Amino acid sequence: MSRKMAGEATDIELQELEQLLRVQPEAQYTLELMAAIWKNERKEEEEPDVFDRYWPQLQAETAMQPEKGKMLLLRKRGLWLAAALTGICLLIAGWITWYSKGNSHPPLADNEVSTHEGSRTRVKLPDGTAVWLNGGSKLTYSDDMKHAATREVFLTGEACFDVAKDAGKPFIIHTLKMQVNVLGTVLNVRSYNNESRSEATLVSGKIEVLMKEVPGQRIDLQPGEKLIIYNNESKKKSKEAVIHYSVANAGKLPDDSALLAETSWIDNKLVFNDEKMPDILRKMEHWYNVSIEVNNEKINDCHFTGSFQNESAAEALTAMQQIHHFQFTIKGNKIIIY
């Protein structure tokens, strides 16, 4: 809620808050109360009306019984804040109760790990799962995931998971387009909001992928396979829940048959396996923390296969020029291709 007040909430966080308010309409007054405090727009003459509006609900929620003959007025900012915090505590308790009753959408996670463009990091989750996070990515998870009935995380961007085995507690990865159910395995998930497709690549073990936009659609993957979900722009103009996807073999590196192209970034290798130039340039933006502008539409249909490890963005583009004809200029962190 505080992130919404500050205008810092992401689209996913706003969706989660909206869903909570639909399930618990009584939480709306807590949100409004916080907004009033945040904006500091309450005038002295308005306070009796606001007090009359919210106090009966707060009193009912907390079962407070003021002593007879005493009058309690929330006229000071400090008391307003105390009332809001009481409402927030009740809201959190209600959310936990709502989720524990079997609702499919988990509550907001307690922890968030994010990476800047051009950087990568590794994190170990409370259940022992190891996660490698690629540039421009964010992973959220709960502190108590080790003790919860299911271990759930939310991913925006790209991450490789080495999931700790626990047959009684499935590991669930949520992205914008899919839900990946895991028991114990190694897999790579790529789901950037600004890319044309999302991917789930299985390295070892077995996973089940659920299509979020098509309820009931489940795809089982075997090691070495990947699921590709394509963004369907036409769906925005139609009410039909149509989703395009394909299952393909993961890419192999020519110099190391044991390493998949999809997970090569963990070893600091930027690999392209017969990919189109728009997808290549998008990956380079995340990898090098640059912005790339294309003023040469002819290269959009070009494909490229290759790998880079210690090369700079300029060196990588120069190597690609040997195969495809284009020019580029670099100004700071902006690259223009023409």
Foldseek 3Di string as FASTA:
>chain_A
DVCVLVVNDDPVRVVQVVVLCVVPVVLVLLVVLVNCLSVVPDDQVCQVVNCVVPVVVLCVLVVDDDDPPDDDGPRDSVSSVVSSVSSVVSSVVVLVVVVVVPDDDHHFADDKDAAAFQDKDWDAAPLGKIKIAFFGKMKGFHNCLNVDQEGEMEIAAKMKIQDDADQRHWYWYDYPFKIKTHRGAIWMWGHHPPDFKIKIAGQADKIWMATPLDPPDIDIDHHQKMKIWGDDPCCVVDVDSDTDMDMDGFDADPVHRSDTQRPCVVVQKNWFDFDFPVVSVVSLCRNQVAAEAEPDVVRRRDTDGDMDHPDHPVRVVVVVCVPPPWDWDDDPRYIYID
